[in-house]
Amino acid sequence: MSQPLVLLVDDDELVAQAIEEVLSLLGFTVVWARTAEEGWSRFCGCQPDVVMTDNSMPDMSGLELARRIREVSPQAMVVMLSAIPPPEADCVCDLVLSKPVRLAALREGLCRIGVLSGNA
């Protein structure tokens, strides 16, 4: 069985690298997009199991990206990672985690939404 694919959308390279390392340890394959527009393009091309997006990006917010994804793929799993998540993120995303993201919170959240087994 192949590893679940995560599309990680974050304009901060250091943050993205740290999250990618953690996700890899949890058994995910990670594709990184530096902007929300690039994330949208990659989403349309690879249909990931999970999309993890920052909210505050220069070209489009992560919330707007999540809304676009929901329009074309209502069943897609969307996780927002943000220092200050917008209040409406809970209505659009399956999971909202505050940055800096703690490993335990990430693991527990991914288990809760069903994309990670409790044994990871």
N, C-alpha and C. Protein backbone atom coordinates (compact mmCIF):
# COMPACT_ATOMS: atom_id res chain seq x y z
N MET A 1 0.84 -1.18 0.00
CA MET A 1 0.00 0.00 0.00
C MET A 1 0.88 1.24 0.00
N SER A 2 0.53 2.22 -0.82
CA SER A 2 1.36 3.42 -0.90
C SER A 2 1.07 4.35 0.28
N GLN A 3 2.03 5.23 0.53
CA GLN A 3 1.88 6.18 1.61
C GLN A 3 0.85 7.24 1.23
N PRO A 4 0.04 7.72 2.20
CA PRO A 4 -0.91 8.78 1.90
C PRO A 4 -0.16 10.04 1.46
N LEU A 5 -0.75 10.77 0.52
CA LEU A 5 -0.14 11.97 -0.04
C LEU A 5 -0.71 13.22 0.62
N VAL A 6 0.18 14.06 1.13
CA VAL A 6 -0.20 15.34 1.72
C VAL A 6 0.31 16.46 0.82
N LEU A 7 -0.57 17.37 0.47
CA LEU A 7 -0.19 18.61 -0.20
C LEU A 7 -0.03 19.65 0.89
N LEU A 8 1.18 20.13 1.09
CA LEU A 8 1.49 21.13 2.10
C LEU A 8 1.66 22.48 1.41
N VAL A 9 0.85 23.46 1.80
CA VAL A 9 0.87 24.78 1.18
C VAL A 9 1.29 25.79 2.23
N ASP A 10 2.51 26.32 2.10
CA ASP A 10 3.03 27.29 3.06
C ASP A 10 4.13 28.09 2.38
N ASP A 11 4.08 29.40 2.54
CA ASP A 11 5.07 30.26 1.90
C ASP A 11 6.36 30.38 2.70
N ASP A 12 6.41 29.83 3.89
CA ASP A 12 7.60 29.88 4.73
C ASP A 12 8.36 28.56 4.58
N GLU A 13 9.49 28.61 3.90
CA GLU A 13 10.24 27.39 3.58
C GLU A 13 10.70 26.63 4.82
N LEU A 14 11.16 27.35 5.85
CA LEU A 14 11.63 26.67 7.06
C LEU A 14 10.49 25.94 7.77
N VAL A 15 9.34 26.59 7.85
CA VAL A 15 8.17 25.96 8.47
C VAL A 15 7.76 24.73 7.65
N ALA A 16 7.72 24.89 6.34
CA ALA A 16 7.32 23.78 5.46
C ALA A 16 8.28 22.60 5.62
N GLN A 17 9.57 22.87 5.69
CA GLN A 17 10.54 21.78 5.85
C GLN A 17 10.34 21.05 7.17
N ALA A 18 10.09 21.79 8.24
CA ALA A 18 9.88 21.17 9.55
C ALA A 18 8.62 20.30 9.55
N ILE A 19 7.54 20.82 8.97
CA ILE A 19 6.29 20.05 8.92
C ILE A 19 6.46 18.83 8.02
N GLU A 20 7.17 19.01 6.91
CA GLU A 20 7.41 17.89 6.00
C GLU A 20 8.17 16.76 6.70
N GLU A 21 9.16 17.11 7.50
CA GLU A 21 9.93 16.09 8.24
C GLU A 21 9.02 15.30 9.17
N VAL A 22 8.17 16.01 9.90
CA VAL A 22 7.26 15.35 10.83
C VAL A 22 6.28 14.45 10.08
N LEU A 23 5.70 14.97 9.01
CA LEU A 23 4.75 14.17 8.23
C LEU A 23 5.41 12.93 7.64
N SER A 24 6.65 13.07 7.20
CA SER A 24 7.38 11.91 6.66
C SER A 24 7.57 10.85 7.74
N LEU A 25 7.90 11.29 8.95
CA LEU A 25 8.06 10.35 10.07
C LEU A 25 6.74 9.64 10.40
N LEU A 26 5.62 10.32 10.14
CA LEU A 26 4.31 9.73 10.40
C LEU A 26 3.84 8.85 9.25
N GLY A 27 4.65 8.76 8.18
CA GLY A 27 4.33 7.85 7.08
C GLY A 27 3.67 8.48 5.87
N PHE A 28 3.71 9.80 5.76
CA PHE A 28 3.10 10.48 4.62
C PHE A 28 4.15 10.83 3.57
N THR A 29 3.73 10.87 2.33
CA THR A 29 4.51 11.47 1.25
C THR A 29 4.03 12.91 1.14
N VAL A 30 4.96 13.85 1.01
CA VAL A 30 4.59 15.27 1.03
C VAL A 30 4.99 15.94 -0.27
N VAL A 31 4.05 16.72 -0.81
CA VAL A 31 4.30 17.60 -1.95
C VAL A 31 4.12 19.01 -1.42
N TRP A 32 5.09 19.88 -1.69
CA TRP A 32 5.07 21.23 -1.14
C TRP A 32 4.74 22.25 -2.22
N ALA A 33 3.86 23.18 -1.88
CA ALA A 33 3.56 24.32 -2.74
C ALA A 33 3.86 25.59 -1.95
N ARG A 34 4.52 26.56 -2.60
CA ARG A 34 4.94 27.78 -1.92
C ARG A 34 3.86 28.86 -1.86
N THR A 35 2.85 28.75 -2.71
CA THR A 35 1.77 29.74 -2.74
C THR A 35 0.43 29.01 -2.81
N ALA A 36 -0.63 29.72 -2.50
CA ALA A 36 -1.96 29.13 -2.59
C ALA A 36 -2.31 28.80 -4.04
N GLU A 37 -1.92 29.66 -4.97
CA GLU A 37 -2.19 29.38 -6.39
C GLU A 37 -1.46 28.12 -6.85
N GLU A 38 -0.20 27.99 -6.43
CA GLU A 38 0.55 26.77 -6.75
C GLU A 38 -0.10 25.56 -6.08
N GLY A 39 -0.59 25.75 -4.86
CA GLY A 39 -1.28 24.68 -4.17
C GLY A 39 -2.53 24.25 -4.90
N TRP A 40 -3.29 25.22 -5.42
CA TRP A 40 -4.50 24.92 -6.19
C TRP A 40 -4.14 24.10 -7.43
N SER A 41 -3.11 24.53 -8.12
CA SER A 41 -2.67 23.84 -9.33
C SER A 41 -2.24 22.40 -9.00
N ARG A 42 -1.47 22.25 -7.95
CA ARG A 42 -1.02 20.91 -7.56
C ARG A 42 -2.18 20.04 -7.10
N PHE A 43 -3.13 20.64 -6.37
CA PHE A 43 -4.31 19.88 -5.94
C PHE A 43 -5.05 19.32 -7.15
N CYS A 44 -5.24 20.15 -8.14
CA CYS A 44 -5.96 19.72 -9.35
C CYS A 44 -5.20 18.63 -10.09
N GLY A 45 -3.87 18.63 -9.97
CA GLY A 45 -3.05 17.66 -10.69
C GLY A 45 -2.81 16.35 -9.97
N CYS A 46 -2.81 16.37 -8.62
CA CYS A 46 -2.42 15.14 -7.92
C CYS A 46 -3.47 14.56 -6.98
N GLN A 47 -4.56 15.28 -6.71
CA GLN A 47 -5.62 14.78 -5.83
C GLN A 47 -5.06 14.14 -4.56
N PRO A 48 -4.47 14.95 -3.68
CA PRO A 48 -3.86 14.42 -2.46
C PRO A 48 -4.91 13.88 -1.48
N ASP A 49 -4.45 13.06 -0.54
CA ASP A 49 -5.33 12.55 0.51
C ASP A 49 -5.67 13.64 1.51
N VAL A 50 -4.73 14.54 1.75
CA VAL A 50 -4.91 15.64 2.70
C VAL A 50 -4.25 16.89 2.14
N VAL A 51 -4.90 18.03 2.34
CA VAL A 51 -4.28 19.33 2.04
C VAL A 51 -4.05 20.03 3.37
N MET A 52 -2.81 20.44 3.62
CA MET A 52 -2.49 21.23 4.80
C MET A 52 -2.05 22.60 4.32
N THR A 53 -2.74 23.63 4.79
CA THR A 53 -2.43 24.96 4.30
C THR A 53 -2.29 25.98 5.42
N ASP A 54 -1.33 26.86 5.24
CA ASP A 54 -1.23 28.05 6.06
C ASP A 54 -2.38 28.96 5.65
N ASN A 55 -2.74 29.92 6.47
CA ASN A 55 -3.79 30.85 6.06
C ASN A 55 -3.21 32.11 5.43
N SER A 56 -2.19 32.66 6.05
CA SER A 56 -1.66 33.95 5.62
C SER A 56 -0.57 33.77 4.57
N MET A 57 -0.96 34.00 3.31
CA MET A 57 -0.02 33.92 2.20
C MET A 57 -0.25 35.11 1.28
N PRO A 58 0.76 35.50 0.51
CA PRO A 58 0.66 36.74 -0.25
C PRO A 58 -0.34 36.74 -1.41
N ASP A 59 -0.58 35.60 -2.04
CA ASP A 59 -1.41 35.60 -3.24
C ASP A 59 -2.88 35.31 -2.97
N MET A 60 -3.16 34.49 -1.99
CA MET A 60 -4.53 34.10 -1.66
C MET A 60 -4.48 33.48 -0.27
N SER A 61 -5.52 33.65 0.51
CA SER A 61 -5.51 33.06 1.85
C SER A 61 -5.72 31.55 1.78
N GLY A 62 -5.27 30.88 2.80
CA GLY A 62 -5.51 29.45 2.90
C GLY A 62 -7.00 29.14 3.01
N LEU A 63 -7.75 30.06 3.62
CA LEU A 63 -9.20 29.88 3.72
C LEU A 63 -9.84 29.89 2.33
N GLU A 64 -9.41 30.82 1.48
CA GLU A 64 -9.94 30.87 0.11
C GLU A 64 -9.54 29.60 -0.65
N LEU A 65 -8.31 29.14 -0.46
CA LEU A 65 -7.89 27.89 -1.09
C LEU A 65 -8.77 26.73 -0.62
N ALA A 66 -9.03 26.66 0.68
CA ALA A 66 -9.89 25.60 1.21
C ALA A 66 -11.29 25.66 0.60
N ARG A 67 -11.81 26.86 0.44
CA ARG A 67 -13.14 27.01 -0.18
C ARG A 67 -13.14 26.52 -1.63
N ARG A 68 -12.10 26.86 -2.37
CA ARG A 68 -11.99 26.39 -3.76
C ARG A 68 -11.96 24.87 -3.82
N ILE A 69 -11.16 24.30 -2.93
CA ILE A 69 -11.04 22.84 -2.90
C ILE A 69 -12.39 22.21 -2.58
N ARG A 70 -13.10 22.75 -1.62
CA ARG A 70 -14.42 22.23 -1.23
C ARG A 70 -15.42 22.30 -2.39
N GLU A 71 -15.31 23.35 -3.22
CA GLU A 71 -16.24 23.49 -4.35
C GLU A 71 -16.11 22.34 -5.34
N VAL A 72 -14.89 21.90 -5.59
CA VAL A 72 -14.67 20.85 -6.59
C VAL A 72 -14.55 19.46 -5.98
N SER A 73 -14.22 19.40 -4.69
CA SER A 73 -14.00 18.11 -4.04
C SER A 73 -14.47 18.17 -2.58
N PRO A 74 -15.79 18.12 -2.35
CA PRO A 74 -16.31 18.27 -0.99
C PRO A 74 -15.77 17.25 0.01
N GLN A 75 -15.35 16.09 -0.47
CA GLN A 75 -14.84 15.05 0.43
C GLN A 75 -13.36 15.21 0.76
N ALA A 76 -12.67 16.14 0.13
CA ALA A 76 -11.24 16.34 0.38
C ALA A 76 -10.99 16.71 1.84
N MET A 77 -9.92 16.17 2.41
CA MET A 77 -9.53 16.51 3.78
C MET A 77 -8.67 17.76 3.75
N VAL A 78 -9.08 18.79 4.48
CA VAL A 78 -8.35 20.05 4.51
C VAL A 78 -8.01 20.40 5.95
N VAL A 79 -6.73 20.66 6.19
CA VAL A 79 -6.23 21.03 7.50
C VAL A 79 -5.62 22.42 7.40
N MET A 80 -6.03 23.33 8.28
CA MET A 80 -5.42 24.66 8.31
C MET A 80 -4.43 24.72 9.46
N LEU A 81 -3.23 25.19 9.14
CA LEU A 81 -2.17 25.42 10.12
C LEU A 81 -1.90 26.91 10.12
N SER A 82 -2.23 27.60 11.22
CA SER A 82 -2.10 29.05 11.21
C SER A 82 -1.87 29.58 12.61
N ALA A 83 -1.03 30.60 12.72
CA ALA A 83 -0.80 31.25 14.01
C ALA A 83 -2.09 31.91 14.49
N ILE A 84 -2.84 32.49 13.56
CA ILE A 84 -4.11 33.14 13.88
C ILE A 84 -5.15 32.68 12.86
N PRO A 85 -5.75 31.52 13.08
CA PRO A 85 -6.73 31.03 12.11
C PRO A 85 -8.00 31.89 12.12
N PRO A 86 -8.58 32.13 10.95
CA PRO A 86 -9.82 32.89 10.91
C PRO A 86 -10.96 32.10 11.56
N PRO A 87 -11.91 32.78 12.19
CA PRO A 87 -12.99 32.08 12.89
C PRO A 87 -13.77 31.11 11.99
N GLU A 88 -13.95 31.46 10.73
CA GLU A 88 -14.74 30.62 9.83
C GLU A 88 -13.97 29.39 9.34
N ALA A 89 -12.71 29.26 9.70
CA ALA A 89 -11.91 28.10 9.26
C ALA A 89 -12.53 26.79 9.74
N ASP A 90 -13.12 26.79 10.93
CA ASP A 90 -13.74 25.56 11.45
C ASP A 90 -14.90 25.09 10.58
N CYS A 91 -15.54 26.01 9.87
CA CYS A 91 -16.67 25.64 9.01
C CYS A 91 -16.21 25.09 7.66
N VAL A 92 -14.99 25.42 7.25
CA VAL A 92 -14.49 25.06 5.92
C VAL A 92 -13.50 23.90 5.99
N CYS A 93 -12.74 23.84 7.06
CA CYS A 93 -11.66 22.85 7.18
C CYS A 93 -12.06 21.71 8.12
N ASP A 94 -11.47 20.54 7.89
CA ASP A 94 -11.72 19.38 8.74
C ASP A 94 -11.00 19.50 10.08
N LEU A 95 -9.88 20.23 10.06
CA LEU A 95 -9.05 20.36 11.25
C LEU A 95 -8.34 21.70 11.19
N VAL A 96 -8.28 22.40 12.33
CA VAL A 96 -7.56 23.67 12.42
C VAL A 96 -6.57 23.53 13.57
N LEU A 97 -5.29 23.73 13.26
CA LEU A 97 -4.24 23.66 14.28
C LEU A 97 -3.48 24.97 14.31
N SER A 98 -3.13 25.39 15.52
CA SER A 98 -2.38 26.63 15.68
C SER A 98 -0.89 26.38 15.50
N LYS A 99 -0.23 27.34 14.85
CA LYS A 99 1.23 27.32 14.74
C LYS A 99 1.81 28.03 15.96
N PRO A 100 2.95 27.62 16.45
CA PRO A 100 3.70 26.47 15.98
C PRO A 100 2.97 25.17 16.31
N VAL A 101 3.01 24.25 15.37
CA VAL A 101 2.29 22.99 15.50
C VAL A 101 3.10 22.01 16.34
N ARG A 102 2.48 21.47 17.35
CA ARG A 102 3.12 20.45 18.18
C ARG A 102 2.88 19.07 17.55
N LEU A 103 3.88 18.23 17.61
CA LEU A 103 3.78 16.89 17.03
C LEU A 103 2.58 16.13 17.59
N ALA A 104 2.40 16.17 18.90
CA ALA A 104 1.29 15.43 19.51
C ALA A 104 -0.06 15.94 19.00
N ALA A 105 -0.21 17.24 18.87
CA ALA A 105 -1.47 17.82 18.38
C ALA A 105 -1.70 17.45 16.92
N LEU A 106 -0.65 17.44 16.12
CA LEU A 106 -0.77 17.06 14.72
C LEU A 106 -1.17 15.60 14.60
N ARG A 107 -0.49 14.73 15.32
CA ARG A 107 -0.80 13.30 15.28
C ARG A 107 -2.23 13.04 15.75
N GLU A 108 -2.62 13.64 16.87
CA GLU A 108 -3.96 13.43 17.41
C GLU A 108 -5.03 13.96 16.45
N GLY A 109 -4.79 15.12 15.86
CA GLY A 109 -5.74 15.69 14.91
C GLY A 109 -5.91 14.84 13.67
N LEU A 110 -4.81 14.35 13.13
CA LEU A 110 -4.87 13.50 11.94
C LEU A 110 -5.56 12.17 12.24
N CYS A 111 -5.38 11.66 13.45
CA CYS A 111 -6.12 10.45 13.86
C CYS A 111 -7.61 10.76 13.96
N ARG A 112 -7.94 11.91 14.54
CA ARG A 112 -9.34 12.28 14.74
C ARG A 112 -10.10 12.41 13.42
N ILE A 113 -9.45 12.92 12.38
CA ILE A 113 -10.15 13.07 11.10
C ILE A 113 -9.99 11.84 10.21
N GLY A 114 -9.30 10.82 10.71
CA GLY A 114 -9.26 9.53 10.03
C GLY A 114 -8.21 9.35 8.95
N VAL A 115 -7.18 10.18 8.94
CA VAL A 115 -6.14 10.02 7.92
C VAL A 115 -4.86 9.40 8.48
N LEU A 116 -4.88 9.08 9.76
CA LEU A 116 -3.73 8.47 10.41
C LEU A 116 -4.26 7.48 11.44
N SER A 117 -3.64 6.31 11.49
CA SER A 117 -4.08 5.33 12.48
C SER A 117 -3.50 5.70 13.84
N GLY A 118 -4.11 5.21 14.87
CA GLY A 118 -3.65 5.50 16.22
C GLY A 118 -2.30 4.90 16.55
N ASN A 119 -1.78 4.02 15.69
CA ASN A 119 -0.49 3.36 15.93
C ASN A 119 0.69 4.13 15.40
N ALA A 120 0.46 5.23 14.67
CA ALA A 120 1.56 5.98 14.05
C ALA A 120 2.33 6.78 15.06
